[in-house]
Protein backbone atom coordinates (compact mmCIF):
# COMPACT_ATOMS: atom_id res chain seq x y z
CA MET A 1 0.07 0.15 0.06
CA PRO A 2 1.72 3.21 -0.99
CA ILE A 3 2.12 5.98 1.65
CA ALA A 4 0.19 9.02 1.12
CA PRO A 5 1.55 12.41 1.04
CA ALA A 6 1.93 14.28 4.47
CA ALA A 7 -1.12 16.12 5.58
CA ALA A 8 0.67 19.65 5.86
CA PRO A 9 3.82 21.17 4.50
CA GLY A 10 6.98 20.73 6.64
CA LYS A 11 5.60 17.42 8.26
CA ILE A 12 7.14 14.28 7.08
CA GLY A 13 5.56 10.99 6.47
CA PHE A 14 2.54 9.10 7.68
CA LEU A 15 3.11 10.02 11.45
CA HIS A 16 1.36 13.29 10.68
CA ASP A 17 -1.23 12.16 8.00
CA PRO A 18 -4.81 12.14 9.47
CA LYS A 19 -5.80 8.95 7.65
CA TRP A 20 -2.70 6.96 8.86
CA ILE A 21 -3.22 8.41 12.40
CA ALA A 22 -6.82 7.28 12.22
CA LEU A 23 -5.76 3.74 10.91
CA ALA A 24 -3.31 3.36 13.50
CA ALA A 25 -5.84 4.16 16.42
CA ALA A 26 -8.62 1.92 14.90
CA THR A 27 -6.05 -1.04 14.29
CA LEU A 28 -4.63 -0.73 17.83
CA GLY A 29 -8.20 -0.39 19.27
CA TYR A 30 -9.26 -3.58 17.46
CA LEU A 31 -6.05 -5.39 18.41
CA LEU A 32 -6.78 -4.60 22.27
CA ASP A 33 -10.54 -5.29 21.67
CA ALA A 34 -9.75 -8.91 20.36
CA CYS A 35 -7.38 -9.60 23.07
CA ASP A 36 -9.90 -8.72 25.78
CA VAL A 37 -12.70 -10.65 24.20
CA LEU A 38 -10.46 -13.78 23.46
CA LEU A 39 -9.04 -14.05 26.97
CA TYR A 40 -12.33 -15.75 27.57
CA VAL A 41 -11.99 -18.21 24.89
CA PHE A 42 -8.48 -19.32 26.28
CA SER A 43 -9.91 -19.43 29.83
CA ILE A 44 -12.74 -21.81 28.93
CA GLN A 45 -11.19 -24.70 30.53
CA SER A 46 -10.13 -22.99 33.50
CA LEU A 47 -13.63 -21.42 33.99
CA LYS A 48 -15.23 -24.76 33.44
CA GLU A 49 -13.26 -26.27 36.33
CA GLU A 50 -13.77 -23.19 38.55
CA PHE A 51 -17.50 -23.05 38.24
CA ALA A 52 -18.42 -26.54 37.22
CA LEU A 53 -19.75 -25.49 33.70
CA SER A 54 -20.65 -27.82 30.98
CA ASN A 55 -19.51 -27.26 27.27
CA ALA A 56 -23.27 -25.77 26.58
CA GLN A 57 -23.03 -23.19 29.58
CA ALA A 58 -19.59 -22.18 28.59
CA GLY A 59 -20.87 -21.50 24.97
CA LEU A 60 -23.77 -19.73 26.57
CA ILE A 61 -21.56 -17.23 27.94
CA SER A 62 -19.86 -16.57 24.62
CA GLY A 63 -23.47 -16.22 23.28
CA PHE A 64 -24.29 -13.48 25.69
CA THR A 65 -21.16 -11.71 24.72
CA LEU A 66 -22.29 -11.90 21.01
CA VAL A 67 -25.77 -10.81 21.72
CA ALA A 68 -24.37 -7.78 23.61
CA SER A 69 -22.01 -7.02 20.73
CA SER A 70 -24.97 -6.84 18.32
CA PHE A 71 -26.54 -4.09 20.46
CA GLY A 72 -23.32 -2.48 21.11
CA GLY A 73 -22.58 -2.32 17.42
CA VAL A 74 -25.77 -0.96 16.34
CA ALA A 75 -25.79 1.60 19.24
CA ALA A 76 -22.33 2.90 18.43
CA GLY A 77 -23.14 3.18 14.72
CA LEU A 78 -26.03 5.58 15.69
CA LEU A 79 -23.71 7.36 17.99
CA ALA A 80 -20.98 7.80 15.48
CA ASP A 81 -23.40 9.55 13.11
CA ARG A 82 -24.49 11.97 15.79
CA ILE A 83 -21.34 12.79 18.00
CA GLY A 84 -18.57 11.77 15.67
CA ARG A 85 -16.51 8.68 14.93
CA ARG A 86 -13.50 9.65 17.29
CA LYS A 87 -15.56 10.17 20.51
CA THR A 88 -17.46 6.84 19.85
CA LEU A 89 -14.39 4.89 19.46
CA ILE A 90 -12.98 6.38 22.83
CA TYR A 91 -16.28 5.45 24.64
CA THR A 92 -16.25 1.78 23.32
CA ILE A 93 -12.61 1.24 24.16
CA LEU A 94 -13.05 2.31 27.71
CA LEU A 95 -16.23 0.04 28.19
CA PHE A 96 -14.67 -3.15 26.90
CA SER A 97 -11.40 -2.70 28.78
CA LEU A 98 -12.90 -1.89 32.24
CA ALA A 99 -15.33 -4.75 31.75
CA SER A 100 -12.59 -7.17 31.09
CA GLY A 101 -10.98 -6.20 34.23
CA GLY A 102 -14.06 -6.61 36.00
CA THR A 103 -14.35 -10.32 34.81
CA ALA A 104 -11.76 -11.00 37.42
CA SER A 105 -14.20 -10.32 40.02
CA ALA A 106 -16.63 -13.02 38.83
CA THR A 107 -17.94 -15.46 41.61
CA SER A 108 -20.57 -17.30 39.63
CA LEU A 109 -22.15 -18.00 36.31
CA SER A 110 -24.42 -15.09 36.68
CA THR A 111 -21.55 -12.50 37.35
CA LEU A 112 -19.50 -14.05 34.47
CA LEU A 113 -22.60 -13.29 32.26
CA PHE A 114 -22.84 -9.65 33.51
CA TRP A 115 -19.16 -8.75 32.88
CA ARG A 116 -18.92 -10.57 29.38
CA THR A 117 -22.14 -8.96 28.43
CA LEU A 118 -20.62 -5.53 29.08
CA VAL A 119 -17.28 -6.67 27.11
CA GLY A 120 -19.55 -7.67 24.33
CA LEU A 121 -21.30 -4.14 24.16
CA GLY A 122 -17.68 -2.49 23.81
CA MET A 123 -16.54 -5.05 21.23
CA GLY A 124 -19.39 -4.50 18.89
CA GLY A 125 -19.18 -0.82 19.33
CA GLU A 126 -15.39 -0.44 18.80
CA TRP A 127 -15.74 -2.22 15.27
CA SER A 128 -18.56 0.09 14.24
CA ALA A 129 -16.66 3.23 15.20
CA GLY A 130 -13.32 2.08 14.06
CA ALA A 131 -14.41 0.77 10.67
CA VAL A 132 -16.40 3.84 9.68
CA LEU A 133 -13.48 5.98 10.77
CA VAL A 134 -10.91 4.29 8.52
CA ALA A 135 -13.39 3.81 5.55
CA GLU A 136 -13.96 7.55 5.59
CA SER A 137 -10.42 8.47 5.98
CA TRP A 138 -8.93 6.50 2.86
CA PRO A 139 -9.47 6.81 -0.80
CA ALA A 140 -11.60 4.32 -2.86
CA GLN A 141 -8.54 2.77 -4.47
CA HIS A 142 -6.88 1.81 -1.23
CA ARG A 143 -10.06 1.44 1.12
CA ALA A 144 -9.91 -2.46 1.20
CA LYS A 145 -6.28 -2.39 1.92
CA ALA A 146 -6.72 -0.12 4.90
CA MET A 147 -9.62 -2.13 6.17
CA GLY A 148 -7.22 -5.05 5.82
CA VAL A 149 -4.68 -3.43 8.07
CA MET A 150 -7.37 -2.62 10.67
CA GLN A 151 -8.69 -6.13 10.54
CA SER A 152 -5.29 -7.54 11.06
CA GLY A 153 -5.41 -6.07 14.67
CA TRP A 154 -7.99 -8.94 15.32
CA ALA A 155 -5.20 -11.60 14.37
CA LEU A 156 -2.46 -9.50 16.40
CA GLY A 157 -4.97 -9.43 19.31
CA TYR A 158 -5.53 -13.16 19.03
CA MET A 159 -1.71 -13.93 19.19
CA LEU A 160 -1.49 -11.58 22.20
CA ALA A 161 -4.40 -13.16 24.00
CA ALA A 162 -2.81 -16.68 23.37
CA ALA A 163 0.68 -15.52 24.49
CA LEU A 164 -0.74 -14.01 27.69
CA ALA A 165 -2.78 -17.32 28.16
CA ALA A 166 0.09 -19.39 27.95
CA VAL A 167 2.26 -17.30 30.30
CA VAL A 168 -0.28 -16.08 32.84
CA LEU A 169 -2.71 -18.99 33.29
CA PRO A 170 -0.42 -21.69 34.33
CA ARG A 171 1.30 -19.27 36.81
CA TRP A 172 -1.29 -16.83 38.26
CA GLY A 173 -4.73 -18.15 37.03
CA TRP A 174 -7.51 -16.79 35.07
CA ARG A 175 -8.28 -13.73 37.48
CA THR A 176 -4.88 -12.23 36.81
CA LEU A 177 -5.32 -12.71 33.16
CA PHE A 178 -8.55 -10.86 33.01
CA LEU A 179 -7.11 -8.03 35.09
CA VAL A 180 -4.53 -7.49 32.15
CA GLY A 181 -7.49 -6.60 30.07
CA VAL A 182 -8.06 -3.21 31.77
CA LEU A 183 -4.78 -1.75 30.20
CA PRO A 184 -6.32 -0.78 26.80
CA ALA A 185 -8.15 2.10 28.47
CA LEU A 186 -4.74 3.80 28.33
CA LEU A 187 -5.14 4.12 24.49
CA THR A 188 -8.10 6.43 24.79
CA VAL A 189 -5.64 9.24 25.84
CA GLY A 190 -3.68 8.99 22.49
CA ILE A 191 -6.99 8.88 20.44
CA ARG A 192 -8.17 11.98 22.14
CA ARG A 193 -5.09 13.85 21.33
CA LYS A 194 -4.32 12.64 17.83
CA VAL A 195 -7.28 11.49 15.85
CA THR A 196 -9.44 13.76 13.81
CA GLU A 197 -12.86 13.40 12.36
CA PRO A 198 -12.93 12.54 8.82
CA ALA A 199 -13.71 15.50 6.66
CA ILE A 200 -16.75 13.81 4.86
CA TRP A 201 -18.20 13.45 8.20
CA ILE A 202 -17.75 16.96 9.24
CA ALA A 203 -19.23 18.19 5.99
CA ARG A 204 -22.23 15.90 6.15
CA LYS A 205 -25.54 17.00 5.15
CA ARG A 206 -28.69 17.27 7.53
CA ALA A 207 -29.44 14.18 9.59
CA VAL A 208 -31.38 11.40 7.78
CA PRO A 209 -34.07 9.34 9.70
CA LEU A 210 -32.90 5.76 10.66
CA ILE A 211 -36.08 4.32 9.00
CA SER A 212 -34.37 5.31 5.54
CA LEU A 213 -32.05 2.29 6.13
CA PHE A 214 -35.17 0.08 5.53
CA ARG A 215 -36.82 1.84 2.79
CA PRO A 216 -36.03 2.06 -1.04
CA PRO A 217 -33.26 2.45 -2.26
CA LEU A 218 -31.33 1.29 0.77
CA GLY A 219 -33.88 -1.30 2.08
CA ARG A 220 -32.83 -4.21 -0.07
CA LEU A 221 -29.21 -3.45 0.44
CA THR A 222 -29.50 -3.41 4.18
CA LEU A 223 -31.44 -6.74 4.29
CA ALA A 224 -28.93 -8.41 1.96
CA ALA A 225 -25.79 -7.13 3.77
CA THR A 226 -27.29 -8.11 7.29
CA ALA A 227 -28.05 -11.69 6.02
CA LEU A 228 -24.57 -12.11 4.58
CA THR A 229 -22.81 -11.01 7.73
CA THR A 230 -25.13 -13.05 9.93
CA ALA A 231 -24.26 -16.10 8.04
CA VAL A 232 -20.38 -15.42 8.24
CA LEU A 233 -20.59 -14.57 11.87
CA LEU A 234 -22.36 -17.78 12.66
CA GLY A 235 -19.59 -19.74 11.06
CA TYR A 236 -16.74 -17.76 12.55
CA TRP A 237 -17.96 -17.77 16.05
CA GLY A 238 -19.09 -21.36 16.23
CA LEU A 239 -15.69 -22.40 14.68
CA PHE A 240 -13.17 -20.03 16.43
CA THR A 241 -14.78 -19.99 19.71
CA TRP A 242 -14.23 -23.81 20.23
CA LEU A 243 -10.72 -24.17 18.37
CA PRO A 244 -8.76 -23.59 21.54
CA SER A 245 -10.69 -26.06 23.47
CA PHE A 246 -10.58 -28.61 20.63
CA LEU A 247 -6.82 -28.45 20.50
CA SER A 248 -6.38 -28.71 24.18
CA ALA A 249 -9.09 -31.04 25.13
CA PRO A 250 -8.37 -34.84 25.50
CA ARG A 251 -9.05 -37.10 22.55
CA GLU A 252 -11.65 -39.00 24.52
CA GLN A 253 -13.78 -35.91 24.53
CA GLY A 254 -13.32 -35.43 20.76
CA GLY A 255 -10.52 -33.07 20.97
CA ALA A 256 -6.90 -33.19 19.68
CA GLY A 257 -5.37 -33.77 23.07
CA LEU A 258 -2.48 -31.13 22.63
CA GLY A 259 -2.76 -29.74 26.21
CA LEU A 260 -3.10 -25.97 27.02
CA VAL A 261 0.46 -24.67 26.25
CA ALA A 262 0.80 -26.63 22.85
CA GLY A 263 -2.69 -25.71 21.93
CA SER A 264 -1.98 -22.06 22.36
CA GLY A 265 0.90 -22.56 20.03
CA TRP A 266 -1.07 -23.99 17.31
CA MET A 267 -3.60 -21.06 17.78
CA PHE A 268 -0.65 -18.61 17.36
CA ALA A 269 0.26 -20.43 14.03
CA MET A 270 -3.46 -20.04 12.97
CA GLN A 271 -3.40 -16.31 13.73
CA ILE A 272 -0.24 -15.80 11.68
CA GLY A 273 -2.32 -17.21 8.69
CA ALA A 274 -5.16 -15.08 9.57
CA LEU A 275 -2.90 -12.00 9.63
CA ALA A 276 -1.82 -12.80 6.25
CA GLY A 277 -5.39 -13.54 5.09
CA TYR A 278 -6.55 -9.99 6.32
CA LEU A 279 -3.89 -8.26 4.53
CA SER A 280 -4.06 -10.34 1.34
CA PHE A 281 -7.95 -9.94 1.09
CA GLY A 282 -7.56 -6.29 1.04
CA PHE A 283 -5.01 -6.17 -1.68
CA LEU A 284 -6.92 -8.86 -3.71
CA ALA A 285 -10.51 -7.22 -3.15
CA ASP A 286 -8.94 -3.72 -4.36
CA ARG A 287 -7.56 -5.40 -7.42
CA TYR A 288 -10.19 -8.10 -8.63
CA GLY A 289 -13.37 -6.90 -6.62
CA ARG A 290 -15.18 -7.69 -3.58
CA ARG A 291 -17.34 -10.43 -4.58
CA PRO A 292 -15.18 -12.98 -6.28
CA VAL A 293 -12.32 -12.94 -3.54
CA PHE A 294 -15.03 -13.18 -0.66
CA ILE A 295 -16.66 -16.20 -2.52
CA GLY A 296 -13.30 -17.91 -2.94
CA PHE A 297 -12.43 -17.53 0.71
CA MET A 298 -15.78 -18.82 1.72
CA LEU A 299 -15.57 -22.02 -0.27
CA ALA A 300 -11.93 -22.59 1.00
CA ILE A 301 -12.94 -22.43 4.61
CA ALA A 302 -16.09 -24.45 4.18
CA ALA A 303 -13.88 -27.17 2.72
CA LEU A 304 -11.18 -27.01 5.38
CA THR A 305 -13.31 -27.10 8.56
CA PRO A 306 -14.40 -30.65 8.59
CA VAL A 307 -10.97 -31.76 7.53
CA TYR A 308 -9.32 -29.92 10.50
CA GLY A 309 -12.00 -31.22 13.01
CA GLY A 310 -11.54 -34.77 11.88
CA ALA A 311 -7.77 -34.90 11.74
CA PRO A 312 -7.30 -36.54 15.25
CA SER A 313 -9.51 -39.43 13.72
CA TRP A 314 -7.91 -39.81 10.20
CA ALA A 315 -4.30 -38.64 10.84
CA GLY A 316 -3.72 -40.90 13.92
CA SER A 317 -0.29 -40.36 15.51
CA SER A 318 0.46 -37.58 13.02
CA ALA A 319 -2.49 -35.54 13.89
CA GLY A 320 -0.47 -33.00 15.97
CA ALA A 321 1.70 -32.18 12.84
CA VAL A 322 -1.10 -32.31 10.42
CA LEU A 323 -3.07 -29.79 12.62
CA LEU A 324 -0.10 -27.59 12.85
CA LEU A 325 0.32 -27.48 9.05
CA LEU A 326 -3.27 -26.70 8.37
CA ALA A 327 -3.45 -24.12 11.02
CA PRO A 328 -2.24 -21.21 8.98
CA LEU A 329 -4.65 -22.05 6.26
CA ILE A 330 -7.58 -22.24 8.70
CA GLY A 331 -6.54 -18.89 9.99
CA PHE A 332 -6.03 -17.36 6.24
CA PHE A 333 -9.37 -18.50 4.81
CA GLY A 334 -11.37 -18.42 8.07
CA SER A 335 -10.63 -14.99 9.09
CA GLY A 336 -9.00 -12.92 6.04
CA TYR A 337 -12.56 -12.28 4.63
CA PHE A 338 -13.49 -9.94 7.39
CA SER A 339 -11.58 -7.25 5.59
CA LEU A 340 -14.57 -7.16 3.01
CA PHE A 341 -16.92 -5.61 5.48
CA GLY A 342 -15.45 -2.43 6.63
CA ALA A 343 -14.96 -1.54 2.92
CA MET A 344 -18.04 -2.85 1.23
CA LEU A 345 -20.41 -1.93 3.91
CA ALA A 346 -19.00 1.89 3.82
CA GLU A 347 -19.62 1.80 0.04
CA LEU A 348 -23.21 0.78 0.31
CA PHE A 349 -24.48 3.56 2.65
CA PRO A 350 -24.31 7.46 2.63
CA THR A 351 -22.29 9.42 4.98
CA SER A 352 -25.46 10.55 7.00
CA LEU A 353 -26.52 6.91 7.68
CA ARG A 354 -22.97 5.25 7.25
CA GLY A 355 -22.36 4.62 10.82
CA ALA A 356 -25.92 3.46 11.51
CA GLY A 357 -25.87 1.33 8.30
CA MET A 358 -22.46 -0.43 8.91
CA GLY A 359 -23.28 -0.69 12.67
CA PHE A 360 -26.76 -2.46 11.92
CA SER A 361 -25.79 -4.74 8.96
CA TYR A 362 -22.61 -5.94 10.65
CA ASN A 363 -23.92 -6.34 14.16
CA PHE A 364 -27.51 -7.22 14.10
CA GLY A 365 -26.66 -10.74 12.91
CA ARG A 366 -24.57 -11.27 16.07
CA ALA A 367 -27.72 -11.54 18.17
CA LEU A 368 -28.61 -14.59 16.19
CA CYS A 369 -24.85 -15.74 16.20
CA ALA A 370 -25.30 -16.36 19.94
CA GLY A 371 -26.78 -19.71 19.19
CA ALA A 372 -23.51 -20.95 17.31
CA PRO A 373 -21.13 -21.35 20.25
CA TRP A 374 -24.01 -22.89 22.22
CA ALA A 375 -25.03 -25.29 19.53
CA VAL A 376 -21.46 -26.30 18.93
CA GLY A 377 -20.95 -26.78 22.56
CA ALA A 378 -24.02 -28.82 22.95
CA LEU A 379 -23.18 -31.09 19.95
CA ALA A 380 -19.74 -31.55 21.44
CA ASP A 381 -21.18 -32.73 24.64
CA SER A 382 -22.45 -35.88 22.56
CA GLN A 383 -20.46 -36.15 19.64
CA GLY A 384 -17.03 -34.64 20.58
CA LEU A 385 -15.63 -31.11 19.59
CA GLY A 386 -13.92 -32.34 16.30
CA ARG A 387 -17.16 -33.58 14.83
CA ALA A 388 -19.07 -30.58 16.21
CA LEU A 389 -16.81 -28.18 14.41
CA ALA A 390 -17.92 -29.50 10.91
CA LEU A 391 -21.31 -27.80 11.47
CA ASN A 392 -19.90 -24.44 10.74
CA SER A 393 -19.21 -25.37 7.00
CA ALA A 394 -22.94 -24.92 6.19
CA PHE A 395 -22.81 -21.32 7.22
CA PHE A 396 -19.71 -20.55 5.31
CA LEU A 397 -21.42 -22.05 2.19
CA LEU A 398 -24.55 -19.99 2.72
CA ALA A 399 -22.43 -16.71 2.99
CA ALA A 400 -20.84 -17.59 -0.39
CA ALA A 401 -24.37 -17.84 -2.08
CA LEU A 402 -25.72 -14.72 -0.23
CA MET A 403 -22.80 -12.67 -1.68
CA LEU A 404 -24.53 -12.79 -5.05
CA ALA A 405 -27.22 -10.47 -3.82
CA LEU A 406 -24.90 -7.59 -3.31
CA PRO A 407 -23.41 -5.38 -5.96
CA GLU A 408 -19.72 -4.94 -6.52
CA THR A 409 -18.54 -1.91 -5.03
CA ARG A 410 -14.86 -1.69 -5.91
CA ARG A 411 -13.74 1.71 -6.61
CA VAL A 412 -16.88 3.40 -5.27
CA GLU A 413 -16.30 6.90 -4.06
CA LEU A 414 -18.14 7.73 -0.78
CA GLU A 415 -20.80 10.40 -0.63
């Protein structure tokens, strides 16, 4: 991605360019957002033992987080259209970081649900605010690349969470791990000082009623985009919520039997692939279009998911090596397509409704996605985790089909 000219004479490089500063803030915010959310994923086994939870109950907590992220994302989109992208980003980062620290005080299933619900509100809101900020700060020819960089924050946050879990959990336990999650609050100081609102939002026209999202000409696009993101999120959260447990759980429970530390290493390799996937998708989508690249990624992960979940059965004593070799591919094709949404959704909606449109279409489906971790967990209780993971392939195939209902938006200038 070429570096844009500096924002003002006498200031050199991207360190003083508003769009690069916006991208850095949103990427770092998303990185820390991912880390805080995924601390729970890596703590599932410890929390199950602490509170005597079944797989279904552990999945239910993830489900509550996803439902809350749905509301948080929609609310943050609306708020971003009214008070600005920068302020909304600050509020959402404060929310998820303080709630993550609060998780350390949990004493029961109900208190876990409370704190993880607040984390979800911040998680969904941070994406809505950060994605619209980046999309409006970058020109059309590089928008998907910029969103790929922002989305890469999720992979980096995933790796950070895996590293923290491997170091902190065995030594100091899950409460200390969650206390680390309060540190992202410090990022808001830098955002307040350095980030500026996109010029296109400052120059926006009068406010447009929210109901316009559901009337012609936007109504069909809103419905199609919401259906697409719902299918994708069902598949993603159903798969990635349970992958750490699948890798660490004993083979008698349908897992890979790698243990906590080794399983974290495999997840680290997976997120290396995801990082490459986020960045590659952005370049490919700007070059060849959003639709064909997205469909290709969906077909690939749909094929890989049952192969990966079944590896402990068909690969025998070589399963560990096979899972490690396939991990980067799962990460690449199972995550990289998320770089689509910040760019394409921004290109579907006008500035006056962009935050609301992106927030609604991306996050509404998360409420429905709450059932995915629970369904996989419930199926795992009877069939084992490996077999249960294959359920998610159906959602990826559905997403590939739904993409055909949306227009190609490559090179669309924002209005």
